[in-house]
PDB file of N, CA and C in Angstrom:
ATOM      1  N   UNK A   1    -125.855 -53.648-110.770  1.00  0.00           N
ATOM      2  CA  UNK A   1    -124.643 -54.355-110.426  1.00  0.00           C
ATOM      3  C   UNK A   1    -123.540 -53.888-111.358  1.00  0.00           C
ATOM      4  N   UNK A   2    -122.401 -53.702-110.770  1.00  0.00           N
ATOM      5  CA  UNK A   2    -121.255 -53.224-111.531  1.00  0.00           C
ATOM      6  C   UNK A   2    -120.061 -54.130-111.292  1.00  0.00           C
ATOM      7  N   UNK A   3    -119.149 -54.134-112.243  1.00  0.00           N
ATOM      8  CA  UNK A   3    -117.881 -54.830-112.055  1.00  0.00           C
ATOM      9  C   UNK A   3    -116.756 -53.866-112.406  1.00  0.00           C
ATOM     10  N   UNK A   4    -115.618 -54.081-111.800  1.00  0.00           N
ATOM     11  CA  UNK A   4    -114.462 -53.239-112.064  1.00  0.00           C
ATOM     12  C   UNK A   4    -113.602 -53.904-113.133  1.00  0.00           C
ATOM     13  N   UNK A   5    -113.392 -53.186-114.225  1.00  0.00           N
ATOM     14  CA  UNK A   5    -112.584 -53.670-115.337  1.00  0.00           C
ATOM     15  C   UNK A   5    -111.506 -52.633-115.606  1.00  0.00           C
ATOM     16  N   UNK A   6    -110.260 -53.023-115.443  1.00  0.00           N
ATOM     17  CA  UNK A   6    -109.113 -52.136-115.668  1.00  0.00           C
ATOM     18  C   UNK A   6    -109.251 -50.826-114.893  1.00  0.00           C
ATOM     19  N   UNK A   7    -109.711 -50.934-113.641  1.00  0.00           N
ATOM     20  CA  UNK A   7    -109.835 -49.764-112.786  1.00  0.00           C
ATOM     21  C   UNK A   7    -111.074 -48.926-113.014  1.00  0.00           C
ATOM     22  N   UNK A   8    -111.918 -49.300-113.978  1.00  0.00           N
ATOM     23  CA  UNK A   8    -113.156 -48.565-114.259  1.00  0.00           C
ATOM     24  C   UNK A   8    -114.351 -49.408-113.854  1.00  0.00           C
ATOM     25  N   UNK A   9    -115.364 -48.756-113.313  1.00  0.00           N
ATOM     26  CA  UNK A   9    -116.591 -49.439-112.908  1.00  0.00           C
ATOM     27  C   UNK A   9    -117.558 -49.410-114.078  1.00  0.00           C
ATOM     28  N   UNK A  10    -118.039 -50.600-114.476  1.00  0.00           N
ATOM     29  CA  UNK A  10    -118.950 -50.704-115.609  1.00  0.00           C
ATOM     30  C   UNK A  10    -120.143 -51.571-115.224  1.00  0.00           C
ATOM     31  N   UNK A  11    -121.339 -51.251-115.745  1.00  0.00           N
ATOM     32  CA  UNK A  11    -122.511 -52.080-115.443  1.00  0.00           C
ATOM     33  C   UNK A  11    -122.375 -53.465-116.073  1.00  0.00           C
ATOM     34  N   UNK A  12    -122.978 -54.444-115.409  1.00  0.00           N
ATOM     35  CA  UNK A  12    -122.953 -55.825-115.898  1.00  0.00           C
ATOM     36  C   UNK A  12    -124.317 -56.159-116.499  1.00  0.00           C
ATOM     37  N   UNK A  13    -124.386 -56.424-117.802  1.00  0.00           N
ATOM     38  CA  UNK A  13    -125.639 -56.906-118.396  1.00  0.00           C
ATOM     39  C   UNK A  13    -125.764 -58.407-118.074  1.00  0.00           C
ATOM     40  N   UNK A  14    -126.410 -58.717-116.963  1.00  0.00           N
ATOM     41  CA  UNK A  14    -126.385 -60.064-116.402  1.00  0.00           C
ATOM     42  C   UNK A  14    -126.925 -61.125-117.356  1.00  0.00           C
ATOM     43  N   UNK A  15    -128.078 -60.888-117.955  1.00  0.00           N
ATOM     44  CA  UNK A  15    -128.651 -61.903-118.845  1.00  0.00           C
ATOM     45  C   UNK A  15    -127.729 -62.174-120.030  1.00  0.00           C
ATOM     46  N   UNK A  16    -127.167 -61.126-120.610  1.00  0.00           N
ATOM     47  CA  UNK A  16    -126.252 -61.300-121.741  1.00  0.00           C
ATOM     48  C   UNK A  16    -124.997 -62.050-121.305  1.00  0.00           C
ATOM     49  N   UNK A  17    -124.500 -61.743-120.115  1.00  0.00           N
ATOM     50  CA  UNK A  17    -123.330 -62.441-119.587  1.00  0.00           C
ATOM     51  C   UNK A  17    -123.621 -63.934-119.420  1.00  0.00           C
ATOM     52  N   UNK A  18    -124.780 -64.272-118.862  1.00  0.00           N
ATOM     53  CA  UNK A  18    -125.115 -65.677-118.626  1.00  0.00           C
ATOM     54  C   UNK A  18    -125.294 -66.459-119.926  1.00  0.00           C
ATOM     55  N   UNK A  19    -125.705 -65.772-120.982  1.00  0.00           N
ATOM     56  CA  UNK A  19    -125.838 -66.439-122.284  1.00  0.00           C
ATOM     57  C   UNK A  19    -124.484 -66.875-122.836  1.00  0.00           C
ATOM     58  N   UNK A  20    -123.398 -66.241-122.388  1.00  0.00           N
ATOM     59  CA  UNK A  20    -122.070 -66.574-122.894  1.00  0.00           C
ATOM     60  C   UNK A  20    -121.436 -67.750-122.152  1.00  0.00           C
ATOM     61  N   UNK A  21    -122.059 -68.198-121.079  1.00  0.00           N
ATOM     62  CA  UNK A  21    -121.496 -69.282-120.267  1.00  0.00           C
ATOM     63  C   UNK A  21    -121.697 -70.604-121.001  1.00  0.00           C
ATOM     64  N   UNK A  22    -120.662 -71.410-121.051  1.00  0.00           N
ATOM     65  CA  UNK A  22    -120.735 -72.713-121.728  1.00  0.00           C
ATOM     66  C   UNK A  22    -121.840 -73.572-121.104  1.00  0.00           C
ATOM     67  N   UNK A  23    -122.599 -74.293-121.922  1.00  0.00           N
ATOM     68  CA  UNK A  23    -123.724 -75.086-121.414  1.00  0.00           C
ATOM     69  C   UNK A  23    -123.332 -76.152-120.394  1.00  0.00           C
ATOM     70  N   UNK A  24    -122.093 -76.616-120.440  1.00  0.00           N
ATOM     71  CA  UNK A  24    -121.680 -77.652-119.499  1.00  0.00           C
ATOM     72  C   UNK A  24    -121.192 -77.075-118.167  1.00  0.00           C
ATOM     73  N   UNK A  25    -121.115 -75.769-118.078  1.00  0.00           N
ATOM     74  CA  UNK A  25    -120.676 -75.128-116.833  1.00  0.00           C
ATOM     75  C   UNK A  25    -121.890 -74.921-115.927  1.00  0.00           C
ATOM     76  N   UNK A  26    -121.891 -75.573-114.770  1.00  0.00           N
ATOM     77  CA  UNK A  26    -123.050 -75.560-113.888  1.00  0.00           C
ATOM     78  C   UNK A  26    -122.950 -74.528-112.775  1.00  0.00           C
ATOM     79  N   UNK A  27    -121.744 -74.053-112.481  1.00  0.00           N
ATOM     80  CA  UNK A  27    -121.530 -73.142-111.362  1.00  0.00           C
ATOM     81  C   UNK A  27    -120.511 -72.087-111.769  1.00  0.00           C
ATOM     82  N   UNK A  28    -120.800 -70.824-111.469  1.00  0.00           N
ATOM     83  CA  UNK A  28    -119.823 -69.787-111.769  1.00  0.00           C
ATOM     84  C   UNK A  28    -119.895 -68.691-110.727  1.00  0.00           C
ATOM     85  N   UNK A  29    -118.830 -67.920-110.665  1.00  0.00           N
ATOM     86  CA  UNK A  29    -118.755 -66.802-109.732  1.00  0.00           C
ATOM     87  C   UNK A  29    -118.237 -65.584-110.461  1.00  0.00           C
ATOM     88  N   UNK A  30    -118.786 -64.418-110.112  1.00  0.00           N
ATOM     89  CA  UNK A  30    -118.358 -63.154-110.700  1.00  0.00           C
ATOM     90  C   UNK A  30    -118.226 -62.132-109.577  1.00  0.00           C
ATOM     91  N   UNK A  31    -117.090 -61.459-109.490  1.00  0.00           N
ATOM     92  CA  UNK A  31    -116.901 -60.390-108.511  1.00  0.00           C
ATOM     93  C   UNK A  31    -117.631 -59.152-109.012  1.00  0.00           C
ATOM     94  N   UNK A  32    -118.397 -58.523-108.124  1.00  0.00           N
ATOM     95  CA  UNK A  32    -119.181 -57.346-108.482  1.00  0.00           C
ATOM     96  C   UNK A  32    -119.100 -56.313-107.380  1.00  0.00           C
ATOM     97  N   UNK A  33    -119.537 -55.110-107.701  1.00  0.00           N
ATOM     98  CA  UNK A  33    -119.717 -54.070-106.703  1.00  0.00           C
ATOM     99  C   UNK A  33    -121.180 -53.693-106.662  1.00  0.00           C
ATOM    100  N   UNK A  34    -121.758 -53.608-105.468  1.00  0.00           N
ATOM    101  CA  UNK A  34    -123.166 -53.250-105.322  1.00  0.00           C
ATOM    102  C   UNK A  34    -123.238 -51.855-104.701  1.00  0.00           C
ATOM    103  N   UNK A  35    -123.970 -50.965-105.332  1.00  0.00           N
ATOM    104  CA  UNK A  35    -124.142 -49.610-104.817  1.00  0.00           C
ATOM    105  C   UNK A  35    -123.606 -48.579-105.779  1.00  0.00           C
ATOM    106  N   UNK A  36    -124.297 -47.431-105.832  1.00  0.00           N
ATOM    107  CA  UNK A  36    -123.935 -46.400-106.797  1.00  0.00           C
ATOM    108  C   UNK A  36    -122.808 -45.496-106.295  1.00  0.00           C
ATOM    109  N   UNK A  37    -122.858 -45.084-105.026  1.00  0.00           N
ATOM    110  CA  UNK A  37    -121.878 -44.112-104.553  1.00  0.00           C
ATOM    111  C   UNK A  37    -120.639 -44.760-103.951  1.00  0.00           C
ATOM    112  N   UNK A  38    -120.831 -45.787-103.142  1.00  0.00           N
ATOM    113  CA  UNK A  38    -119.702 -46.484-102.519  1.00  0.00           C
ATOM    114  C   UNK A  38    -119.907 -47.981-102.708  1.00  0.00           C
ATOM    115  N   UNK A  39    -119.509 -48.524-103.863  1.00  0.00           N
ATOM    116  CA  UNK A  39    -119.781 -49.929-104.152  1.00  0.00           C
ATOM    117  C   UNK A  39    -119.186 -50.867-103.095  1.00  0.00           C
ATOM    118  N   UNK A  40    -120.006 -51.803-102.666  1.00  0.00           N
ATOM    119  CA  UNK A  40    -119.578 -52.817-101.713  1.00  0.00           C
ATOM    120  C   UNK A  40    -119.075 -54.016-102.507  1.00  0.00           C
ATOM    121  N   UNK A  41    -117.853 -54.462-102.257  1.00  0.00           N
ATOM    122  CA  UNK A  41    -117.354 -55.642-102.970  1.00  0.00           C
ATOM    123  C   UNK A  41    -118.235 -56.851-102.646  1.00  0.00           C
ATOM    124  N   UNK A  42    -118.738 -57.486-103.665  1.00  0.00           N
ATOM    125  CA  UNK A  42    -119.658 -58.608-103.507  1.00  0.00           C
ATOM    126  C   UNK A  42    -119.335 -59.687-104.529  1.00  0.00           C
ATOM    127  N   UNK A  43    -120.042 -60.792-104.399  1.00  0.00           N
ATOM    128  CA  UNK A  43    -119.875 -61.908-105.331  1.00  0.00           C
ATOM    129  C   UNK A  43    -121.247 -62.347-105.818  1.00  0.00           C
ATOM    130  N   UNK A  44    -121.331 -62.600-107.094  1.00  0.00           N
ATOM    131  CA  UNK A  44    -122.509 -63.233-107.668  1.00  0.00           C
ATOM    132  C   UNK A  44    -122.135 -64.681-107.917  1.00  0.00           C
ATOM    133  N   UNK A  45    -122.895 -65.592-107.332  1.00  0.00           N
ATOM    134  CA  UNK A  45    -122.698 -67.020-107.584  1.00  0.00           C
ATOM    135  C   UNK A  45    -123.936 -67.491-108.326  1.00  0.00           C
ATOM    136  N   UNK A  46    -123.735 -68.096-109.483  1.00  0.00           N
ATOM    137  CA  UNK A  46    -124.842 -68.559-110.321  1.00  0.00           C
ATOM    138  C   UNK A  46    -124.752 -70.073-110.479  1.00  0.00           C
ATOM    139  N   UNK A  47    -125.905 -70.724-110.297  1.00  0.00           N
ATOM    140  CA  UNK A  47    -125.995 -72.179-110.423  1.00  0.00           C
ATOM    141  C   UNK A  47    -127.000 -72.477-111.537  1.00  0.00           C
ATOM    142  N   UNK A  48    -126.546 -73.166-112.560  1.00  0.00           N
ATOM    143  CA  UNK A  48    -127.435 -73.529-113.673  1.00  0.00           C
ATOM    144  C   UNK A  48    -128.417 -74.604-113.201  1.00  0.00           C
ATOM    145  N   UNK A  49    -129.674 -74.431-113.539  1.00  0.00           N
ATOM    146  CA  UNK A  49    -130.722 -75.381-113.162  1.00  0.00           C
ATOM    147  C   UNK A  49    -130.888 -76.443-114.250  1.00  0.00           C
ATOM    148  N   UNK A  50    -131.379 -77.624-113.866  1.00  0.00           N
ATOM    149  CA  UNK A  50    -131.634 -78.669-114.870  1.00  0.00           C
ATOM    150  C   UNK A  50    -132.686 -78.205-115.881  1.00  0.00           C
ATOM    151  N   UNK A  51    -132.593 -78.743-117.088  1.00  0.00           N
ATOM    152  CA  UNK A  51    -133.478 -78.314-118.177  1.00  0.00           C
ATOM    153  C   UNK A  51    -134.958 -78.493-117.835  1.00  0.00           C
ATOM    154  N   UNK A  52    -135.309 -79.546-117.123  1.00  0.00           N
ATOM    155  CA  UNK A  52    -136.712 -79.756-116.741  1.00  0.00           C
ATOM    156  C   UNK A  52    -137.205 -78.627-115.832  1.00  0.00           C
ATOM    157  N   UNK A  53    -136.370 -78.198-114.925  1.00  0.00           N
ATOM    158  CA  UNK A  53    -136.727 -77.094-114.024  1.00  0.00           C
ATOM    159  C   UNK A  53    -136.865 -75.797-114.818  1.00  0.00           C
ATOM    160  N   UNK A  54    -135.953 -75.577-115.752  1.00  0.00           N
ATOM    161  CA  UNK A  54    -135.982 -74.362-116.574  1.00  0.00           C
ATOM    162  C   UNK A  54    -137.266 -74.314-117.396  1.00  0.00           C
ATOM    163  N   UNK A  55    -137.644 -75.428-118.003  1.00  0.00           N
ATOM    164  CA  UNK A  55    -138.874 -75.466-118.806  1.00  0.00           C
ATOM    165  C   UNK A  55    -140.087 -75.141-117.950  1.00  0.00           C
ATOM    166  N   UNK A  56    -140.137 -75.681-116.743  1.00  0.00           N
ATOM    167  CA  UNK A  56    -141.252 -75.409-115.836  1.00  0.00           C
ATOM    168  C   UNK A  56    -141.282 -73.938-115.454  1.00  0.00           C
ATOM    169  N   UNK A  57    -140.128 -73.384-115.091  1.00  0.00           N
ATOM    170  CA  UNK A  57    -140.056 -71.975-114.718  1.00  0.00           C
ATOM    171  C   UNK A  57    -140.509 -71.074-115.870  1.00  0.00           C
ATOM    172  N   UNK A  58    -140.049 -71.370-117.077  1.00  0.00           N
ATOM    173  CA  UNK A  58    -140.406 -70.543-118.233  1.00  0.00           C
ATOM    174  C   UNK A  58    -141.889 -70.669-118.571  1.00  0.00           C
ATOM    175  N   UNK A  59    -142.426 -71.865-118.430  1.00  0.00           N
ATOM    176  CA  UNK A  59    -143.852 -72.066-118.672  1.00  0.00           C
ATOM    177  C   UNK A  59    -144.685 -71.239-117.699  1.00  0.00           C
ATOM    178  N   UNK A  60    -144.308 -71.241-116.438  1.00  0.00           N
ATOM    179  CA  UNK A  60    -145.022 -70.462-115.423  1.00  0.00           C
ATOM    180  C   UNK A  60    -144.903 -68.966-115.718  1.00  0.00           C
ATOM    181  N   UNK A  61    -143.713 -68.519-116.117  1.00  0.00           N
ATOM    182  CA  UNK A  61    -143.511 -67.102-116.437  1.00  0.00           C
ATOM    183  C   UNK A  61    -144.383 -66.684-117.615  1.00  0.00           C
ATOM    184  N   UNK A  62    -144.447 -67.523-118.639  1.00  0.00           N
ATOM    185  CA  UNK A  62    -145.287 -67.199-119.805  1.00  0.00           C
ATOM    186  C   UNK A  62    -146.760 -67.164-119.427  1.00  0.00           C
ATOM    187  N   UNK A  63    -147.182 -68.089-118.582  1.00  0.00           N
ATOM    188  CA  UNK A  63    -148.574 -68.140-118.136  1.00  0.00           C
ATOM    189  C   UNK A  63    -148.938 -66.877-117.353  1.00  0.00           C
ATOM    190  N   UNK A  64    -148.065 -66.459-116.434  1.00  0.00           N
ATOM    191  CA  UNK A  64    -148.320 -65.254-115.654  1.00  0.00           C
ATOM    192  C   UNK A  64    -148.337 -64.016-116.553  1.00  0.00           C
ATOM    193  N   UNK A  65    -147.442 -63.962-117.527  1.00  0.00           N
ATOM    194  CA  UNK A  65    -147.390 -62.824-118.440  1.00  0.00           C
ATOM    195  C   UNK A  65    -148.657 -62.762-119.289  1.00  0.00           C
ATOM    196  N   UNK A  66    -149.123 -63.921-119.761  1.00  0.00           N
ATOM    197  CA  UNK A  66    -150.355 -63.962-120.559  1.00  0.00           C
ATOM    198  C   UNK A  66    -151.534 -63.409-119.770  1.00  0.00           C
ATOM    199  N   UNK A  67    -151.604 -63.750-118.483  1.00  0.00           N
ATOM    200  CA  UNK A  67    -152.697 -63.243-117.638  1.00  0.00           C
ATOM    201  C   UNK A  67    -152.689 -61.728-117.575  1.00  0.00           C
ATOM    202  N   UNK A  68    -151.499 -61.135-117.690  1.00  0.00           N
ATOM    203  CA  UNK A  68    -151.360 -59.674-117.624  1.00  0.00           C
ATOM    204  C   UNK A  68    -151.338 -59.042-119.008  1.00  0.00           C
ATOM    205  N   UNK A  69    -151.491 -59.856-120.039  1.00  0.00           N
ATOM    206  CA  UNK A  69    -151.520 -59.336-121.398  1.00  0.00           C
ATOM    207  C   UNK A  69    -150.160 -58.954-121.951  1.00  0.00           C
ATOM    208  N   UNK A  70    -149.119 -59.623-121.513  1.00  0.00           N
ATOM    209  CA  UNK A  70    -147.785 -59.319-122.015  1.00  0.00           C
ATOM    210  C   UNK A  70    -147.017 -60.613-122.261  1.00  0.00           C
ATOM    211  N   UNK A  71    -145.761 -60.465-122.589  1.00  0.00           N
ATOM    212  CA  UNK A  71    -144.883 -61.623-122.746  1.00  0.00           C
ATOM    213  C   UNK A  71    -143.613 -61.369-121.942  1.00  0.00           C
ATOM    214  N   UNK A  72    -143.009 -62.417-121.395  1.00  0.00           N
ATOM    215  CA  UNK A  72    -141.768 -62.211-120.646  1.00  0.00           C
ATOM    216  C   UNK A  72    -140.629 -61.839-121.594  1.00  0.00           C
ATOM    217  N   UNK A  73    -139.734 -61.008-121.122  1.00  0.00           N
ATOM    218  CA  UNK A  73    -138.594 -60.597-121.944  1.00  0.00           C
ATOM    219  C   UNK A  73    -137.624 -61.759-122.098  1.00  0.00           C
ATOM    220  N   UNK A  74    -136.780 -61.664-123.114  1.00  0.00           N
ATOM    221  CA  UNK A  74    -135.762 -62.685-123.330  1.00  0.00           C
ATOM    222  C   UNK A  74    -134.791 -62.719-122.151  1.00  0.00           C
ATOM    223  N   UNK A  75    -134.494 -61.551-121.591  1.00  0.00           N
ATOM    224  CA  UNK A  75    -133.602 -61.495-120.421  1.00  0.00           C
ATOM    225  C   UNK A  75    -134.209 -62.255-119.246  1.00  0.00           C
ATOM    226  N   UNK A  76    -135.506 -62.066-119.010  1.00  0.00           N
ATOM    227  CA  UNK A  76    -136.186 -62.783-117.917  1.00  0.00           C
ATOM    228  C   UNK A  76    -136.116 -64.285-118.152  1.00  0.00           C
ATOM    229  N   UNK A  77    -136.398 -64.726-119.362  1.00  0.00           N
ATOM    230  CA  UNK A  77    -136.364 -66.158-119.675  1.00  0.00           C
ATOM    231  C   UNK A  77    -134.950 -66.720-119.503  1.00  0.00           C
ATOM    232  N   UNK A  78    -133.948 -65.939-119.839  1.00  0.00           N
ATOM    233  CA  UNK A  78    -132.561 -66.372-119.653  1.00  0.00           C
ATOM    234  C   UNK A  78    -132.243 -66.539-118.173  1.00  0.00           C
ATOM    235  N   UNK A  79    -132.637 -65.565-117.365  1.00  0.00           N
ATOM    236  CA  UNK A  79    -132.350 -65.614-115.935  1.00  0.00           C
ATOM    237  C   UNK A  79    -133.043 -66.778-115.237  1.00  0.00           C
ATOM    238  N   UNK A  80    -134.154 -67.245-115.771  1.00  0.00           N
ATOM    239  CA  UNK A  80    -134.879 -68.363-115.166  1.00  0.00           C
ATOM    240  C   UNK A  80    -134.096 -69.676-115.231  1.00  0.00           C
ATOM    241  N   UNK A  81    -133.042 -69.723-116.032  1.00  0.00           N
ATOM    242  CA  UNK A  81    -132.221 -70.928-116.140  1.00  0.00           C
ATOM    243  C   UNK A  81    -131.196 -71.021-115.007  1.00  0.00           C
ATOM    244  N   UNK A  82    -131.152 -70.019-114.147  1.00  0.00           N
ATOM    245  CA  UNK A  82    -130.133 -69.952-113.111  1.00  0.00           C
ATOM    246  C   UNK A  82    -130.737 -69.647-111.749  1.00  0.00           C
ATOM    247  N   UNK A  83    -130.090 -70.137-110.688  1.00  0.00           N
ATOM    248  CA  UNK A  83    -130.319 -69.643-109.332  1.00  0.00           C
ATOM    249  C   UNK A  83    -129.172 -68.685-109.064  1.00  0.00           C
ATOM    250  N   UNK A  84    -129.509 -67.468-108.666  1.00  0.00           N
ATOM    251  CA  UNK A  84    -128.508 -66.425-108.463  1.00  0.00           C
ATOM    252  C   UNK A  84    -128.400 -66.084-106.982  1.00  0.00           C
ATOM    253  N   UNK A  85    -127.187 -66.003-106.491  1.00  0.00           N
ATOM    254  CA  UNK A  85    -126.925 -65.679-105.096  1.00  0.00           C
ATOM    255  C   UNK A  85    -125.953 -64.514-105.037  1.00  0.00           C
ATOM    256  N   UNK A  86    -126.296 -63.485-104.267  1.00  0.00           N
ATOM    257  CA  UNK A  86    -125.398 -62.360-104.030  1.00  0.00           C
ATOM    258  C   UNK A  86    -124.925 -62.453-102.584  1.00  0.00           C
ATOM    259  N   UNK A  87    -123.631 -62.298-102.388  1.00  0.00           N
ATOM    260  CA  UNK A  87    -123.086 -62.338-101.039  1.00  0.00           C
ATOM    261  C   UNK A  87    -121.861 -61.447-100.946  1.00  0.00           C
ATOM    262  N   UNK A  88    -121.619 -60.964 -99.745  1.00  0.00           N
ATOM    263  CA  UNK A  88    -120.389 -60.217 -99.506  1.00  0.00           C
ATOM    264  C   UNK A  88    -119.421 -61.037 -98.654  1.00  0.00           C
ATOM    265  N   UNK A  89    -119.743 -62.320 -98.433  1.00  0.00           N
ATOM    266  CA  UNK A  89    -118.848 -63.216 -97.706  1.00  0.00           C
ATOM    267  C   UNK A  89    -117.686 -63.553 -98.638  1.00  0.00           C
ATOM    268  N   UNK A  90    -116.449 -63.313 -98.204  1.00  0.00           N
ATOM    269  CA  UNK A  90    -115.304 -63.535 -99.089  1.00  0.00           C
ATOM    270  C   UNK A  90    -115.091 -65.015 -99.412  1.00  0.00           C
ATOM    271  N   UNK A  91    -114.463 -65.300-100.560  1.00  0.00           N
ATOM    272  CA  UNK A  91    -114.222 -66.686-100.969  1.00  0.00           C
ATOM    273  C   UNK A  91    -113.313 -67.442-100.008  1.00  0.00           C
ATOM    274  N   UNK A  92    -112.549 -66.729 -99.203  1.00  0.00           N
ATOM    275  CA  UNK A  92    -111.702 -67.414 -98.225  1.00  0.00           C
ATOM    276  C   UNK A  92    -112.532 -68.036 -97.103  1.00  0.00           C
ATOM    277  N   UNK A  93    -113.756 -67.539 -96.912  1.00  0.00           N
ATOM    278  CA  UNK A  93    -114.647 -68.089 -95.882  1.00  0.00           C
ATOM    279  C   UNK A  93    -115.615 -69.096 -96.503  1.00  0.00           C
ATOM    280  N   UNK A  94    -116.248 -68.710 -97.621  1.00  0.00           N
ATOM    281  CA  UNK A  94    -117.163 -69.605 -98.338  1.00  0.00           C
ATOM    282  C   UNK A  94    -116.649 -69.814 -99.747  1.00  0.00           C
ATOM    283  N   UNK A  95    -116.312 -71.047-100.073  1.00  0.00           N
ATOM    284  CA  UNK A  95    -115.947 -71.376-101.450  1.00  0.00           C
ATOM    285  C   UNK A  95    -117.186 -71.210-102.334  1.00  0.00           C
ATOM    286  N   UNK A  96    -116.970 -71.084-103.617  1.00  0.00           N
ATOM    287  CA  UNK A  96    -118.081 -70.883-104.549  1.00  0.00           C
ATOM    288  C   UNK A  96    -119.142 -71.972-104.412  1.00  0.00           C
ATOM    289  N   UNK A  97    -118.734 -73.217-104.327  1.00  0.00           N
ATOM    290  CA  UNK A  97    -119.695 -74.330-104.230  1.00  0.00           C
ATOM    291  C   UNK A  97    -120.452 -74.341-102.911  1.00  0.00           C
ATOM    292  N   UNK A  98    -119.931 -73.676-101.896  1.00  0.00           N
ATOM    293  CA  UNK A  98    -120.585 -73.648-100.589  1.00  0.00           C
ATOM    294  C   UNK A  98    -121.765 -72.679-100.561  1.00  0.00           C
ATOM    295  N   UNK A  99    -121.692 -71.601-101.314  1.00  0.00           N
ATOM    296  CA  UNK A  99    -122.710 -70.547-101.260  1.00  0.00           C
ATOM    297  C   UNK A  99    -124.124 -71.077-101.497  1.00  0.00           C
ATOM    298  N   UNK A 100    -124.405 -71.840-102.567  1.00  0.00           N
ATOM    299  CA  UNK A 100    -125.778 -72.310-102.773  1.00  0.00           C
ATOM    300  C   UNK A 100    -126.269 -73.248-101.671  1.00  0.00           C
ATOM    301  N   UNK A 101    -125.351 -73.918-100.996  1.00  0.00           N
ATOM    302  CA  UNK A 101    -125.733 -74.846 -99.942  1.00  0.00           C
ATOM    303  C   UNK A 101    -126.137 -74.111 -98.666  1.00  0.00           C
ATOM    304  N   UNK A 102    -125.362 -73.098 -98.288  1.00  0.00           N
ATOM    305  CA  UNK A 102    -125.615 -72.424 -97.016  1.00  0.00           C
ATOM    306  C   UNK A 102    -126.525 -71.205 -97.139  1.00  0.00           C
ATOM    307  N   UNK A 103    -126.725 -70.701 -98.336  1.00  0.00           N
ATOM    308  CA  UNK A 103    -127.499 -69.472 -98.476  1.00  0.00           C
ATOM    309  C   UNK A 103    -128.928 -69.594 -97.947  1.00  0.00           C
ATOM    310  N   UNK A 104    -129.652 -70.687 -98.206  1.00  0.00           N
ATOM    311  CA  UNK A 104    -131.000 -70.795 -97.624  1.00  0.00           C
ATOM    312  C   UNK A 104    -130.988 -70.733 -96.092  1.00  0.00           C
ATOM    313  N   UNK A 105    -129.970 -71.300 -95.492  1.00  0.00           N
ATOM    314  CA  UNK A 105    -129.854 -71.257 -94.032  1.00  0.00           C
ATOM    315  C   UNK A 105    -129.564 -69.823 -93.590  1.00  0.00           C
ATOM    316  N   UNK A 106    -128.664 -69.149 -94.297  1.00  0.00           N
ATOM    317  CA  UNK A 106    -128.329 -67.776 -93.959  1.00  0.00           C
ATOM    318  C   UNK A 106    -129.556 -66.876 -94.058  1.00  0.00           C
ATOM    319  N   UNK A 107    -130.363 -67.118 -95.083  1.00  0.00           N
ATOM    320  CA  UNK A 107    -131.578 -66.301 -95.257  1.00  0.00           C
ATOM    321  C   UNK A 107    -132.522 -66.483 -94.065  1.00  0.00           C
ATOM    322  N   UNK A 108    -132.676 -67.693 -93.586  1.00  0.00           N
ATOM    323  CA  UNK A 108    -133.529 -67.933 -92.418  1.00  0.00           C
ATOM    324  C   UNK A 108    -132.990 -67.189 -91.194  1.00  0.00           C
ATOM    325  N   UNK A 109    -131.691 -67.138 -91.043  1.00  0.00           N
ATOM    326  CA  UNK A 109    -131.079 -66.398 -89.937  1.00  0.00           C
ATOM    327  C   UNK A 109    -131.359 -64.912 -90.090  1.00  0.00           C
ATOM    328  N   UNK A 110    -131.261 -64.390 -91.311  1.00  0.00           N
ATOM    329  CA  UNK A 110    -131.542 -62.972 -91.553  1.00  0.00           C
ATOM    330  C   UNK A 110    -132.987 -62.638 -91.189  1.00  0.00           C
ATOM    331  N   UNK A 111    -133.921 -63.524 -91.512  1.00  0.00           N
ATOM    332  CA  UNK A 111    -135.327 -63.295 -91.208  1.00  0.00           C
ATOM    333  C   UNK A 111    -135.554 -63.195 -89.695  1.00  0.00           C
ATOM    334  N   UNK A 112    -134.916 -64.110 -88.952  1.00  0.00           N
ATOM    335  CA  UNK A 112    -135.062 -64.125 -87.493  1.00  0.00           C
ATOM    336  C   UNK A 112    -134.436 -62.877 -86.918  1.00  0.00           C
TER     337      UNK A 112
END
């Protein structure tokens, strides 16, 4: 995933970016480009999960890693605190808060 900064395309270190988000911020959006040769303008919408959900997710990740003889990376553990949605639907059609609500429905339509 890349973002355009001052006319230059730069990679986004997603886990590091999410660590900088204020703890009281539950929803955020970031404009990104997806693709190496012809980036498609897209949006990343991130929804912070409740602490109880995060603890459960991290516990499961550690358990699965132990079974494989490894440990989950710090980046993986950071990402488990969020639900991440990628979409190319413009904000004029779907507001940021709408994306997490309709995305499961959209996914079912894509499957069909």
